[in-house]
PDBML (XML) file of the C-alpha atoms, coordinates in Angstrom:
<?xml version="1.0" encoding="UTF-8" ?>
<PDBx:datablock datablockName="MODEL"
   xmlns:PDBx="http://pdbml.pdb.org/schema/pdbx-v50.xsd"
   xmlns:xsi="http://www.w3.org/2001/XMLSchema-instance"
   xsi:schemaLocation="http://pdbml.pdb.org/schema/pdbx-v50.xsd pdbx-v50.xsd">
   <PDBx:atom_siteCategory>
      <PDBx:atom_site id="1">
         <PDBx:B_iso_or_equiv>0.00</PDBx:B_iso_or_equiv>
         <PDBx:Cartn_x>0.000</PDBx:Cartn_x>
         <PDBx:Cartn_y>0.000</PDBx:Cartn_y>
         <PDBx:Cartn_z>0.000</PDBx:Cartn_z>
         <PDBx:auth_asym_id>A</PDBx:auth_asym_id>
         <PDBx:auth_atom_id>CA</PDBx:auth_atom_id>
         <PDBx:auth_comp_id>ASN</PDBx:auth_comp_id>
         <PDBx:auth_seq_id>1</PDBx:auth_seq_id>
         <PDBx:group_PDB>ATOM</PDBx:group_PDB>
         <PDBx:label_alt_id xsi:nil="true" />
         <PDBx:label_asym_id>A</PDBx:label_asym_id>
         <PDBx:label_atom_id>CA</PDBx:label_atom_id>
         <PDBx:label_comp_id>ASN</PDBx:label_comp_id>
         <PDBx:label_entity_id>1</PDBx:label_entity_id>
         <PDBx:label_seq_id>1</PDBx:label_seq_id>
         <PDBx:occupancy>1.00</PDBx:occupancy>
         <PDBx:pdbx_PDB_model_num>1</PDBx:pdbx_PDB_model_num>
         <PDBx:type_symbol>C</PDBx:type_symbol>
      </PDBx:atom_site>
      <PDBx:atom_site id="2">
         <PDBx:B_iso_or_equiv>0.00</PDBx:B_iso_or_equiv>
         <PDBx:Cartn_x>2.224</PDBx:Cartn_x>
         <PDBx:Cartn_y>2.749</PDBx:Cartn_y>
         <PDBx:Cartn_z>-1.303</PDBx:Cartn_z>
         <PDBx:auth_asym_id>A</PDBx:auth_asym_id>
         <PDBx:auth_atom_id>CA</PDBx:auth_atom_id>
         <PDBx:auth_comp_id>GLY</PDBx:auth_comp_id>
         <PDBx:auth_seq_id>2</PDBx:auth_seq_id>
         <PDBx:group_PDB>ATOM</PDBx:group_PDB>
         <PDBx:label_alt_id xsi:nil="true" />
         <PDBx:label_asym_id>A</PDBx:label_asym_id>
         <PDBx:label_atom_id>CA</PDBx:label_atom_id>
         <PDBx:label_comp_id>GLY</PDBx:label_comp_id>
         <PDBx:label_entity_id>1</PDBx:label_entity_id>
         <PDBx:label_seq_id>2</PDBx:label_seq_id>
         <PDBx:occupancy>1.00</PDBx:occupancy>
         <PDBx:pdbx_PDB_model_num>1</PDBx:pdbx_PDB_model_num>
         <PDBx:type_symbol>C</PDBx:type_symbol>
      </PDBx:atom_site>
      <PDBx:atom_site id="3">
         <PDBx:B_iso_or_equiv>0.00</PDBx:B_iso_or_equiv>
         <PDBx:Cartn_x>5.736</PDBx:Cartn_x>
         <PDBx:Cartn_y>1.904</PDBx:Cartn_y>
         <PDBx:Cartn_z>-0.165</PDBx:Cartn_z>
         <PDBx:auth_asym_id>A</PDBx:auth_asym_id>
         <PDBx:auth_atom_id>CA</PDBx:auth_atom_id>
         <PDBx:auth_comp_id>GLU</PDBx:auth_comp_id>
         <PDBx:auth_seq_id>3</PDBx:auth_seq_id>
         <PDBx:group_PDB>ATOM</PDBx:group_PDB>
         <PDBx:label_alt_id xsi:nil="true" />
         <PDBx:label_asym_id>A</PDBx:label_asym_id>
         <PDBx:label_atom_id>CA</PDBx:label_atom_id>
         <PDBx:label_comp_id>GLU</PDBx:label_comp_id>
         <PDBx:label_entity_id>1</PDBx:label_entity_id>
         <PDBx:label_seq_id>3</PDBx:label_seq_id>
         <PDBx:occupancy>1.00</PDBx:occupancy>
         <PDBx:pdbx_PDB_model_num>1</PDBx:pdbx_PDB_model_num>
         <PDBx:type_symbol>C</PDBx:type_symbol>
      </PDBx:atom_site>
      <PDBx:atom_site id="4">
         <PDBx:B_iso_or_equiv>0.00</PDBx:B_iso_or_equiv>
         <PDBx:Cartn_x>4.701</PDBx:Cartn_x>
         <PDBx:Cartn_y>-0.188</PDBx:Cartn_y>
         <PDBx:Cartn_z>2.862</PDBx:Cartn_z>
         <PDBx:auth_asym_id>A</PDBx:auth_asym_id>
         <PDBx:auth_atom_id>CA</PDBx:auth_atom_id>
         <PDBx:auth_comp_id>ALA</PDBx:auth_comp_id>
         <PDBx:auth_seq_id>4</PDBx:auth_seq_id>
         <PDBx:group_PDB>ATOM</PDBx:group_PDB>
         <PDBx:label_alt_id xsi:nil="true" />
         <PDBx:label_asym_id>A</PDBx:label_asym_id>
         <PDBx:label_atom_id>CA</PDBx:label_atom_id>
         <PDBx:label_comp_id>ALA</PDBx:label_comp_id>
         <PDBx:label_entity_id>1</PDBx:label_entity_id>
         <PDBx:label_seq_id>4</PDBx:label_seq_id>
         <PDBx:occupancy>1.00</PDBx:occupancy>
         <PDBx:pdbx_PDB_model_num>1</PDBx:pdbx_PDB_model_num>
         <PDBx:type_symbol>C</PDBx:type_symbol>
      </PDBx:atom_site>
      <PDBx:atom_site id="5">
         <PDBx:B_iso_or_equiv>0.00</PDBx:B_iso_or_equiv>
         <PDBx:Cartn_x>3.409</PDBx:Cartn_x>
         <PDBx:Cartn_y>-3.777</PDBx:Cartn_y>
         <PDBx:Cartn_z>2.981</PDBx:Cartn_z>
         <PDBx:auth_asym_id>A</PDBx:auth_asym_id>
         <PDBx:auth_atom_id>CA</PDBx:auth_atom_id>
         <PDBx:auth_comp_id>PRO</PDBx:auth_comp_id>
         <PDBx:auth_seq_id>5</PDBx:auth_seq_id>
         <PDBx:group_PDB>ATOM</PDBx:group_PDB>
         <PDBx:label_alt_id xsi:nil="true" />
         <PDBx:label_asym_id>A</PDBx:label_asym_id>
         <PDBx:label_atom_id>CA</PDBx:label_atom_id>
         <PDBx:label_comp_id>PRO</PDBx:label_comp_id>
         <PDBx:label_entity_id>1</PDBx:label_entity_id>
         <PDBx:label_seq_id>5</PDBx:label_seq_id>
         <PDBx:occupancy>1.00</PDBx:occupancy>
         <PDBx:pdbx_PDB_model_num>1</PDBx:pdbx_PDB_model_num>
         <PDBx:type_symbol>C</PDBx:type_symbol>
      </PDBx:atom_site>
      <PDBx:atom_site id="6">
         <PDBx:B_iso_or_equiv>0.00</PDBx:B_iso_or_equiv>
         <PDBx:Cartn_x>-0.387</PDBx:Cartn_x>
         <PDBx:Cartn_y>-3.886</PDBx:Cartn_y>
         <PDBx:Cartn_z>3.050</PDBx:Cartn_z>
         <PDBx:auth_asym_id>A</PDBx:auth_asym_id>
         <PDBx:auth_atom_id>CA</PDBx:auth_atom_id>
         <PDBx:auth_comp_id>LEU</PDBx:auth_comp_id>
         <PDBx:auth_seq_id>6</PDBx:auth_seq_id>
         <PDBx:group_PDB>ATOM</PDBx:group_PDB>
         <PDBx:label_alt_id xsi:nil="true" />
         <PDBx:label_asym_id>A</PDBx:label_asym_id>
         <PDBx:label_atom_id>CA</PDBx:label_atom_id>
         <PDBx:label_comp_id>LEU</PDBx:label_comp_id>
         <PDBx:label_entity_id>1</PDBx:label_entity_id>
         <PDBx:label_seq_id>6</PDBx:label_seq_id>
         <PDBx:occupancy>1.00</PDBx:occupancy>
         <PDBx:pdbx_PDB_model_num>1</PDBx:pdbx_PDB_model_num>
         <PDBx:type_symbol>C</PDBx:type_symbol>
      </PDBx:atom_site>
      <PDBx:atom_site id="7">
         <PDBx:B_iso_or_equiv>0.00</PDBx:B_iso_or_equiv>
         <PDBx:Cartn_x>-0.269</PDBx:Cartn_x>
         <PDBx:Cartn_y>-6.242</PDBx:Cartn_y>
         <PDBx:Cartn_z>6.058</PDBx:Cartn_z>
         <PDBx:auth_asym_id>A</PDBx:auth_asym_id>
         <PDBx:auth_atom_id>CA</PDBx:auth_atom_id>
         <PDBx:auth_comp_id>ILE</PDBx:auth_comp_id>
         <PDBx:auth_seq_id>7</PDBx:auth_seq_id>
         <PDBx:group_PDB>ATOM</PDBx:group_PDB>
         <PDBx:label_alt_id xsi:nil="true" />
         <PDBx:label_asym_id>A</PDBx:label_asym_id>
         <PDBx:label_atom_id>CA</PDBx:label_atom_id>
         <PDBx:label_comp_id>ILE</PDBx:label_comp_id>
         <PDBx:label_entity_id>1</PDBx:label_entity_id>
         <PDBx:label_seq_id>7</PDBx:label_seq_id>
         <PDBx:occupancy>1.00</PDBx:occupancy>
         <PDBx:pdbx_PDB_model_num>1</PDBx:pdbx_PDB_model_num>
         <PDBx:type_symbol>C</PDBx:type_symbol>
      </PDBx:atom_site>
      <PDBx:atom_site id="8">
         <PDBx:B_iso_or_equiv>0.00</PDBx:B_iso_or_equiv>
         <PDBx:Cartn_x>1.798</PDBx:Cartn_x>
         <PDBx:Cartn_y>-4.714</PDBx:Cartn_y>
         <PDBx:Cartn_z>8.834</PDBx:Cartn_z>
         <PDBx:auth_asym_id>A</PDBx:auth_asym_id>
         <PDBx:auth_atom_id>CA</PDBx:auth_atom_id>
         <PDBx:auth_comp_id>LYS</PDBx:auth_comp_id>
         <PDBx:auth_seq_id>8</PDBx:auth_seq_id>
         <PDBx:group_PDB>ATOM</PDBx:group_PDB>
         <PDBx:label_alt_id xsi:nil="true" />
         <PDBx:label_asym_id>A</PDBx:label_asym_id>
         <PDBx:label_atom_id>CA</PDBx:label_atom_id>
         <PDBx:label_comp_id>LYS</PDBx:label_comp_id>
         <PDBx:label_entity_id>1</PDBx:label_entity_id>
         <PDBx:label_seq_id>8</PDBx:label_seq_id>
         <PDBx:occupancy>1.00</PDBx:occupancy>
         <PDBx:pdbx_PDB_model_num>1</PDBx:pdbx_PDB_model_num>
         <PDBx:type_symbol>C</PDBx:type_symbol>
      </PDBx:atom_site>
      <PDBx:atom_site id="9">
         <PDBx:B_iso_or_equiv>0.00</PDBx:B_iso_or_equiv>
         <PDBx:Cartn_x>1.399</PDBx:Cartn_x>
         <PDBx:Cartn_y>-7.288</PDBx:Cartn_y>
         <PDBx:Cartn_z>11.607</PDBx:Cartn_z>
         <PDBx:auth_asym_id>A</PDBx:auth_asym_id>
         <PDBx:auth_atom_id>CA</PDBx:auth_atom_id>
         <PDBx:auth_comp_id>SER</PDBx:auth_comp_id>
         <PDBx:auth_seq_id>9</PDBx:auth_seq_id>
         <PDBx:group_PDB>ATOM</PDBx:group_PDB>
         <PDBx:label_alt_id xsi:nil="true" />
         <PDBx:label_asym_id>A</PDBx:label_asym_id>
         <PDBx:label_atom_id>CA</PDBx:label_atom_id>
         <PDBx:label_comp_id>SER</PDBx:label_comp_id>
         <PDBx:label_entity_id>1</PDBx:label_entity_id>
         <PDBx:label_seq_id>9</PDBx:label_seq_id>
         <PDBx:occupancy>1.00</PDBx:occupancy>
         <PDBx:pdbx_PDB_model_num>1</PDBx:pdbx_PDB_model_num>
         <PDBx:type_symbol>C</PDBx:type_symbol>
      </PDBx:atom_site>
      <PDBx:atom_site id="10">
         <PDBx:B_iso_or_equiv>0.00</PDBx:B_iso_or_equiv>
         <PDBx:Cartn_x>0.062</PDBx:Cartn_x>
         <PDBx:Cartn_y>-10.775</PDBx:Cartn_y>
         <PDBx:Cartn_z>12.321</PDBx:Cartn_z>
         <PDBx:auth_asym_id>A</PDBx:auth_asym_id>
         <PDBx:auth_atom_id>CA</PDBx:auth_atom_id>
         <PDBx:auth_comp_id>ALA</PDBx:auth_comp_id>
         <PDBx:auth_seq_id>10</PDBx:auth_seq_id>
         <PDBx:group_PDB>ATOM</PDBx:group_PDB>
         <PDBx:label_alt_id xsi:nil="true" />
         <PDBx:label_asym_id>A</PDBx:label_asym_id>
         <PDBx:label_atom_id>CA</PDBx:label_atom_id>
         <PDBx:label_comp_id>ALA</PDBx:label_comp_id>
         <PDBx:label_entity_id>1</PDBx:label_entity_id>
         <PDBx:label_seq_id>10</PDBx:label_seq_id>
         <PDBx:occupancy>1.00</PDBx:occupancy>
         <PDBx:pdbx_PDB_model_num>1</PDBx:pdbx_PDB_model_num>
         <PDBx:type_symbol>C</PDBx:type_symbol>
      </PDBx:atom_site>
      <PDBx:atom_site id="11">
         <PDBx:B_iso_or_equiv>0.00</PDBx:B_iso_or_equiv>
         <PDBx:Cartn_x>-1.309</PDBx:Cartn_x>
         <PDBx:Cartn_y>-12.137</PDBx:Cartn_y>
         <PDBx:Cartn_z>15.592</PDBx:Cartn_z>
         <PDBx:auth_asym_id>A</PDBx:auth_asym_id>
         <PDBx:auth_atom_id>CA</PDBx:auth_atom_id>
         <PDBx:auth_comp_id>HIS</PDBx:auth_comp_id>
         <PDBx:auth_seq_id>11</PDBx:auth_seq_id>
         <PDBx:group_PDB>ATOM</PDBx:group_PDB>
         <PDBx:label_alt_id xsi:nil="true" />
         <PDBx:label_asym_id>A</PDBx:label_asym_id>
         <PDBx:label_atom_id>CA</PDBx:label_atom_id>
         <PDBx:label_comp_id>HIS</PDBx:label_comp_id>
         <PDBx:label_entity_id>1</PDBx:label_entity_id>
         <PDBx:label_seq_id>11</PDBx:label_seq_id>
         <PDBx:occupancy>1.00</PDBx:occupancy>
         <PDBx:pdbx_PDB_model_num>1</PDBx:pdbx_PDB_model_num>
         <PDBx:type_symbol>C</PDBx:type_symbol>
      </PDBx:atom_site>
      <PDBx:atom_site id="12">
         <PDBx:B_iso_or_equiv>0.00</PDBx:B_iso_or_equiv>
         <PDBx:Cartn_x>-2.065</PDBx:Cartn_x>
         <PDBx:Cartn_y>-15.785</PDBx:Cartn_y>
         <PDBx:Cartn_z>16.393</PDBx:Cartn_z>
         <PDBx:auth_asym_id>A</PDBx:auth_asym_id>
         <PDBx:auth_atom_id>CA</PDBx:auth_atom_id>
         <PDBx:auth_comp_id>TYR</PDBx:auth_comp_id>
         <PDBx:auth_seq_id>12</PDBx:auth_seq_id>
         <PDBx:group_PDB>ATOM</PDBx:group_PDB>
         <PDBx:label_alt_id xsi:nil="true" />
         <PDBx:label_asym_id>A</PDBx:label_asym_id>
         <PDBx:label_atom_id>CA</PDBx:label_atom_id>
         <PDBx:label_comp_id>TYR</PDBx:label_comp_id>
         <PDBx:label_entity_id>1</PDBx:label_entity_id>
         <PDBx:label_seq_id>12</PDBx:label_seq_id>
         <PDBx:occupancy>1.00</PDBx:occupancy>
         <PDBx:pdbx_PDB_model_num>1</PDBx:pdbx_PDB_model_num>
         <PDBx:type_symbol>C</PDBx:type_symbol>
      </PDBx:atom_site>
      <PDBx:atom_site id="13">
         <PDBx:B_iso_or_equiv>0.00</PDBx:B_iso_or_equiv>
         <PDBx:Cartn_x>-4.904</PDBx:Cartn_x>
         <PDBx:Cartn_y>-16.760</PDBx:Cartn_y>
         <PDBx:Cartn_z>18.736</PDBx:Cartn_z>
         <PDBx:auth_asym_id>A</PDBx:auth_asym_id>
         <PDBx:auth_atom_id>CA</PDBx:auth_atom_id>
         <PDBx:auth_comp_id>ARG</PDBx:auth_comp_id>
         <PDBx:auth_seq_id>13</PDBx:auth_seq_id>
         <PDBx:group_PDB>ATOM</PDBx:group_PDB>
         <PDBx:label_alt_id xsi:nil="true" />
         <PDBx:label_asym_id>A</PDBx:label_asym_id>
         <PDBx:label_atom_id>CA</PDBx:label_atom_id>
         <PDBx:label_comp_id>ARG</PDBx:label_comp_id>
         <PDBx:label_entity_id>1</PDBx:label_entity_id>
         <PDBx:label_seq_id>13</PDBx:label_seq_id>
         <PDBx:occupancy>1.00</PDBx:occupancy>
         <PDBx:pdbx_PDB_model_num>1</PDBx:pdbx_PDB_model_num>
         <PDBx:type_symbol>C</PDBx:type_symbol>
      </PDBx:atom_site>
      <PDBx:atom_site id="14">
         <PDBx:B_iso_or_equiv>0.00</PDBx:B_iso_or_equiv>
         <PDBx:Cartn_x>-4.840</PDBx:Cartn_x>
         <PDBx:Cartn_y>-20.539</PDBx:Cartn_y>
         <PDBx:Cartn_z>19.347</PDBx:Cartn_z>
         <PDBx:auth_asym_id>A</PDBx:auth_asym_id>
         <PDBx:auth_atom_id>CA</PDBx:auth_atom_id>
         <PDBx:auth_comp_id>PRO</PDBx:auth_comp_id>
         <PDBx:auth_seq_id>14</PDBx:auth_seq_id>
         <PDBx:group_PDB>ATOM</PDBx:group_PDB>
         <PDBx:label_alt_id xsi:nil="true" />
         <PDBx:label_asym_id>A</PDBx:label_asym_id>
         <PDBx:label_atom_id>CA</PDBx:label_atom_id>
         <PDBx:label_comp_id>PRO</PDBx:label_comp_id>
         <PDBx:label_entity_id>1</PDBx:label_entity_id>
         <PDBx:label_seq_id>14</PDBx:label_seq_id>
         <PDBx:occupancy>1.00</PDBx:occupancy>
         <PDBx:pdbx_PDB_model_num>1</PDBx:pdbx_PDB_model_num>
         <PDBx:type_symbol>C</PDBx:type_symbol>
      </PDBx:atom_site>
      <PDBx:atom_site id="15">
         <PDBx:B_iso_or_equiv>0.00</PDBx:B_iso_or_equiv>
         <PDBx:Cartn_x>-8.067</PDBx:Cartn_x>
         <PDBx:Cartn_y>-22.456</PDBx:Cartn_y>
         <PDBx:Cartn_z>19.795</PDBx:Cartn_z>
         <PDBx:auth_asym_id>A</PDBx:auth_asym_id>
         <PDBx:auth_atom_id>CA</PDBx:auth_atom_id>
         <PDBx:auth_comp_id>SER</PDBx:auth_comp_id>
         <PDBx:auth_seq_id>15</PDBx:auth_seq_id>
         <PDBx:group_PDB>ATOM</PDBx:group_PDB>
         <PDBx:label_alt_id xsi:nil="true" />
         <PDBx:label_asym_id>A</PDBx:label_asym_id>
         <PDBx:label_atom_id>CA</PDBx:label_atom_id>
         <PDBx:label_comp_id>SER</PDBx:label_comp_id>
         <PDBx:label_entity_id>1</PDBx:label_entity_id>
         <PDBx:label_seq_id>15</PDBx:label_seq_id>
         <PDBx:occupancy>1.00</PDBx:occupancy>
         <PDBx:pdbx_PDB_model_num>1</PDBx:pdbx_PDB_model_num>
         <PDBx:type_symbol>C</PDBx:type_symbol>
      </PDBx:atom_site>
      <PDBx:atom_site id="16">
         <PDBx:B_iso_or_equiv>0.00</PDBx:B_iso_or_equiv>
         <PDBx:Cartn_x>-8.832</PDBx:Cartn_x>
         <PDBx:Cartn_y>-24.287</PDBx:Cartn_y>
         <PDBx:Cartn_z>23.016</PDBx:Cartn_z>
         <PDBx:auth_asym_id>A</PDBx:auth_asym_id>
         <PDBx:auth_atom_id>CA</PDBx:auth_atom_id>
         <PDBx:auth_comp_id>ARG</PDBx:auth_comp_id>
         <PDBx:auth_seq_id>16</PDBx:auth_seq_id>
         <PDBx:group_PDB>ATOM</PDBx:group_PDB>
         <PDBx:label_alt_id xsi:nil="true" />
         <PDBx:label_asym_id>A</PDBx:label_asym_id>
         <PDBx:label_atom_id>CA</PDBx:label_atom_id>
         <PDBx:label_comp_id>ARG</PDBx:label_comp_id>
         <PDBx:label_entity_id>1</PDBx:label_entity_id>
         <PDBx:label_seq_id>16</PDBx:label_seq_id>
         <PDBx:occupancy>1.00</PDBx:occupancy>
         <PDBx:pdbx_PDB_model_num>1</PDBx:pdbx_PDB_model_num>
         <PDBx:type_symbol>C</PDBx:type_symbol>
      </PDBx:atom_site>
      <PDBx:atom_site id="17">
         <PDBx:B_iso_or_equiv>0.00</PDBx:B_iso_or_equiv>
         <PDBx:Cartn_x>-7.780</PDBx:Cartn_x>
         <PDBx:Cartn_y>-27.502</PDBx:Cartn_y>
         <PDBx:Cartn_z>21.264</PDBx:Cartn_z>
         <PDBx:auth_asym_id>A</PDBx:auth_asym_id>
         <PDBx:auth_atom_id>CA</PDBx:auth_atom_id>
         <PDBx:auth_comp_id>GLN</PDBx:auth_comp_id>
         <PDBx:auth_seq_id>17</PDBx:auth_seq_id>
         <PDBx:group_PDB>ATOM</PDBx:group_PDB>
         <PDBx:label_alt_id xsi:nil="true" />
         <PDBx:label_asym_id>A</PDBx:label_asym_id>
         <PDBx:label_atom_id>CA</PDBx:label_atom_id>
         <PDBx:label_comp_id>GLN</PDBx:label_comp_id>
         <PDBx:label_entity_id>1</PDBx:label_entity_id>
         <PDBx:label_seq_id>17</PDBx:label_seq_id>
         <PDBx:occupancy>1.00</PDBx:occupancy>
         <PDBx:pdbx_PDB_model_num>1</PDBx:pdbx_PDB_model_num>
         <PDBx:type_symbol>C</PDBx:type_symbol>
      </PDBx:atom_site>
      <PDBx:atom_site id="18">
         <PDBx:B_iso_or_equiv>0.00</PDBx:B_iso_or_equiv>
         <PDBx:Cartn_x>-4.413</PDBx:Cartn_x>
         <PDBx:Cartn_y>-26.076</PDBx:Cartn_y>
         <PDBx:Cartn_z>20.188</PDBx:Cartn_z>
         <PDBx:auth_asym_id>A</PDBx:auth_asym_id>
         <PDBx:auth_atom_id>CA</PDBx:auth_atom_id>
         <PDBx:auth_comp_id>SER</PDBx:auth_comp_id>
         <PDBx:auth_seq_id>18</PDBx:auth_seq_id>
         <PDBx:group_PDB>ATOM</PDBx:group_PDB>
         <PDBx:label_alt_id xsi:nil="true" />
         <PDBx:label_asym_id>A</PDBx:label_asym_id>
         <PDBx:label_atom_id>CA</PDBx:label_atom_id>
         <PDBx:label_comp_id>SER</PDBx:label_comp_id>
         <PDBx:label_entity_id>1</PDBx:label_entity_id>
         <PDBx:label_seq_id>18</PDBx:label_seq_id>
         <PDBx:occupancy>1.00</PDBx:occupancy>
         <PDBx:pdbx_PDB_model_num>1</PDBx:pdbx_PDB_model_num>
         <PDBx:type_symbol>C</PDBx:type_symbol>
      </PDBx:atom_site>
      <PDBx:atom_site id="19">
         <PDBx:B_iso_or_equiv>0.00</PDBx:B_iso_or_equiv>
         <PDBx:Cartn_x>-3.766</PDBx:Cartn_x>
         <PDBx:Cartn_y>-24.685</PDBx:Cartn_y>
         <PDBx:Cartn_z>23.658</PDBx:Cartn_z>
         <PDBx:auth_asym_id>A</PDBx:auth_asym_id>
         <PDBx:auth_atom_id>CA</PDBx:auth_atom_id>
         <PDBx:auth_comp_id>ARG</PDBx:auth_comp_id>
         <PDBx:auth_seq_id>19</PDBx:auth_seq_id>
         <PDBx:group_PDB>ATOM</PDBx:group_PDB>
         <PDBx:label_alt_id xsi:nil="true" />
         <PDBx:label_asym_id>A</PDBx:label_asym_id>
         <PDBx:label_atom_id>CA</PDBx:label_atom_id>
         <PDBx:label_comp_id>ARG</PDBx:label_comp_id>
         <PDBx:label_entity_id>1</PDBx:label_entity_id>
         <PDBx:label_seq_id>19</PDBx:label_seq_id>
         <PDBx:occupancy>1.00</PDBx:occupancy>
         <PDBx:pdbx_PDB_model_num>1</PDBx:pdbx_PDB_model_num>
         <PDBx:type_symbol>C</PDBx:type_symbol>
      </PDBx:atom_site>
      <PDBx:atom_site id="20">
         <PDBx:B_iso_or_equiv>0.00</PDBx:B_iso_or_equiv>
         <PDBx:Cartn_x>-4.485</PDBx:Cartn_x>
         <PDBx:Cartn_y>-28.065</PDBx:Cartn_y>
         <PDBx:Cartn_z>25.271</PDBx:Cartn_z>
         <PDBx:auth_asym_id>A</PDBx:auth_asym_id>
         <PDBx:auth_atom_id>CA</PDBx:auth_atom_id>
         <PDBx:auth_comp_id>PHE</PDBx:auth_comp_id>
         <PDBx:auth_seq_id>20</PDBx:auth_seq_id>
         <PDBx:group_PDB>ATOM</PDBx:group_PDB>
         <PDBx:label_alt_id xsi:nil="true" />
         <PDBx:label_asym_id>A</PDBx:label_asym_id>
         <PDBx:label_atom_id>CA</PDBx:label_atom_id>
         <PDBx:label_comp_id>PHE</PDBx:label_comp_id>
         <PDBx:label_entity_id>1</PDBx:label_entity_id>
         <PDBx:label_seq_id>20</PDBx:label_seq_id>
         <PDBx:occupancy>1.00</PDBx:occupancy>
         <PDBx:pdbx_PDB_model_num>1</PDBx:pdbx_PDB_model_num>
         <PDBx:type_symbol>C</PDBx:type_symbol>
      </PDBx:atom_site>
      <PDBx:atom_site id="21">
         <PDBx:B_iso_or_equiv>0.00</PDBx:B_iso_or_equiv>
         <PDBx:Cartn_x>-2.313</PDBx:Cartn_x>
         <PDBx:Cartn_y>-30.021</PDBx:Cartn_y>
         <PDBx:Cartn_z>22.834</PDBx:Cartn_z>
         <PDBx:auth_asym_id>A</PDBx:auth_asym_id>
         <PDBx:auth_atom_id>CA</PDBx:auth_atom_id>
         <PDBx:auth_comp_id>TYR</PDBx:auth_comp_id>
         <PDBx:auth_seq_id>21</PDBx:auth_seq_id>
         <PDBx:group_PDB>ATOM</PDBx:group_PDB>
         <PDBx:label_alt_id xsi:nil="true" />
         <PDBx:label_asym_id>A</PDBx:label_asym_id>
         <PDBx:label_atom_id>CA</PDBx:label_atom_id>
         <PDBx:label_comp_id>TYR</PDBx:label_comp_id>
         <PDBx:label_entity_id>1</PDBx:label_entity_id>
         <PDBx:label_seq_id>21</PDBx:label_seq_id>
         <PDBx:occupancy>1.00</PDBx:occupancy>
         <PDBx:pdbx_PDB_model_num>1</PDBx:pdbx_PDB_model_num>
         <PDBx:type_symbol>C</PDBx:type_symbol>
      </PDBx:atom_site>
      <PDBx:atom_site id="22">
         <PDBx:B_iso_or_equiv>0.00</PDBx:B_iso_or_equiv>
         <PDBx:Cartn_x>0.590</PDBx:Cartn_x>
         <PDBx:Cartn_y>-27.611</PDBx:Cartn_y>
         <PDBx:Cartn_z>23.248</PDBx:Cartn_z>
         <PDBx:auth_asym_id>A</PDBx:auth_asym_id>
         <PDBx:auth_atom_id>CA</PDBx:auth_atom_id>
         <PDBx:auth_comp_id>GLN</PDBx:auth_comp_id>
         <PDBx:auth_seq_id>22</PDBx:auth_seq_id>
         <PDBx:group_PDB>ATOM</PDBx:group_PDB>
         <PDBx:label_alt_id xsi:nil="true" />
         <PDBx:label_asym_id>A</PDBx:label_asym_id>
         <PDBx:label_atom_id>CA</PDBx:label_atom_id>
         <PDBx:label_comp_id>GLN</PDBx:label_comp_id>
         <PDBx:label_entity_id>1</PDBx:label_entity_id>
         <PDBx:label_seq_id>22</PDBx:label_seq_id>
         <PDBx:occupancy>1.00</PDBx:occupancy>
         <PDBx:pdbx_PDB_model_num>1</PDBx:pdbx_PDB_model_num>
         <PDBx:type_symbol>C</PDBx:type_symbol>
      </PDBx:atom_site>
      <PDBx:atom_site id="23">
         <PDBx:B_iso_or_equiv>0.00</PDBx:B_iso_or_equiv>
         <PDBx:Cartn_x>0.304</PDBx:Cartn_x>
         <PDBx:Cartn_y>-27.492</PDBx:Cartn_y>
         <PDBx:Cartn_z>27.033</PDBx:Cartn_z>
         <PDBx:auth_asym_id>A</PDBx:auth_asym_id>
         <PDBx:auth_atom_id>CA</PDBx:auth_atom_id>
         <PDBx:auth_comp_id>ARG</PDBx:auth_comp_id>
         <PDBx:auth_seq_id>23</PDBx:auth_seq_id>
         <PDBx:group_PDB>ATOM</PDBx:group_PDB>
         <PDBx:label_alt_id xsi:nil="true" />
         <PDBx:label_asym_id>A</PDBx:label_asym_id>
         <PDBx:label_atom_id>CA</PDBx:label_atom_id>
         <PDBx:label_comp_id>ARG</PDBx:label_comp_id>
         <PDBx:label_entity_id>1</PDBx:label_entity_id>
         <PDBx:label_seq_id>23</PDBx:label_seq_id>
         <PDBx:occupancy>1.00</PDBx:occupancy>
         <PDBx:pdbx_PDB_model_num>1</PDBx:pdbx_PDB_model_num>
         <PDBx:type_symbol>C</PDBx:type_symbol>
      </PDBx:atom_site>
      <PDBx:atom_site id="24">
         <PDBx:B_iso_or_equiv>0.00</PDBx:B_iso_or_equiv>
         <PDBx:Cartn_x>0.214</PDBx:Cartn_x>
         <PDBx:Cartn_y>-31.305</PDBx:Cartn_y>
         <PDBx:Cartn_z>27.148</PDBx:Cartn_z>
         <PDBx:auth_asym_id>A</PDBx:auth_asym_id>
         <PDBx:auth_atom_id>CA</PDBx:auth_atom_id>
         <PDBx:auth_comp_id>PHE</PDBx:auth_comp_id>
         <PDBx:auth_seq_id>24</PDBx:auth_seq_id>
         <PDBx:group_PDB>ATOM</PDBx:group_PDB>
         <PDBx:label_alt_id xsi:nil="true" />
         <PDBx:label_asym_id>A</PDBx:label_asym_id>
         <PDBx:label_atom_id>CA</PDBx:label_atom_id>
         <PDBx:label_comp_id>PHE</PDBx:label_comp_id>
         <PDBx:label_entity_id>1</PDBx:label_entity_id>
         <PDBx:label_seq_id>24</PDBx:label_seq_id>
         <PDBx:occupancy>1.00</PDBx:occupancy>
         <PDBx:pdbx_PDB_model_num>1</PDBx:pdbx_PDB_model_num>
         <PDBx:type_symbol>C</PDBx:type_symbol>
      </PDBx:atom_site>
      <PDBx:atom_site id="25">
         <PDBx:B_iso_or_equiv>0.00</PDBx:B_iso_or_equiv>
         <PDBx:Cartn_x>3.384</PDBx:Cartn_x>
         <PDBx:Cartn_y>-31.501</PDBx:Cartn_y>
         <PDBx:Cartn_z>25.049</PDBx:Cartn_z>
         <PDBx:auth_asym_id>A</PDBx:auth_asym_id>
         <PDBx:auth_atom_id>CA</PDBx:auth_atom_id>
         <PDBx:auth_comp_id>GLN</PDBx:auth_comp_id>
         <PDBx:auth_seq_id>25</PDBx:auth_seq_id>
         <PDBx:group_PDB>ATOM</PDBx:group_PDB>
         <PDBx:label_alt_id xsi:nil="true" />
         <PDBx:label_asym_id>A</PDBx:label_asym_id>
         <PDBx:label_atom_id>CA</PDBx:label_atom_id>
         <PDBx:label_comp_id>GLN</PDBx:label_comp_id>
         <PDBx:label_entity_id>1</PDBx:label_entity_id>
         <PDBx:label_seq_id>25</PDBx:label_seq_id>
         <PDBx:occupancy>1.00</PDBx:occupancy>
         <PDBx:pdbx_PDB_model_num>1</PDBx:pdbx_PDB_model_num>
         <PDBx:type_symbol>C</PDBx:type_symbol>
      </PDBx:atom_site>
   </PDBx:atom_siteCategory>
</PDBx:datablock>
């Protein structure tokens, strides 16, 4: 967008399933 990337940041919000699997590991 002009000289800058159109997407300036990304944020990840894990699901309850992903949070459980990762915490278990």
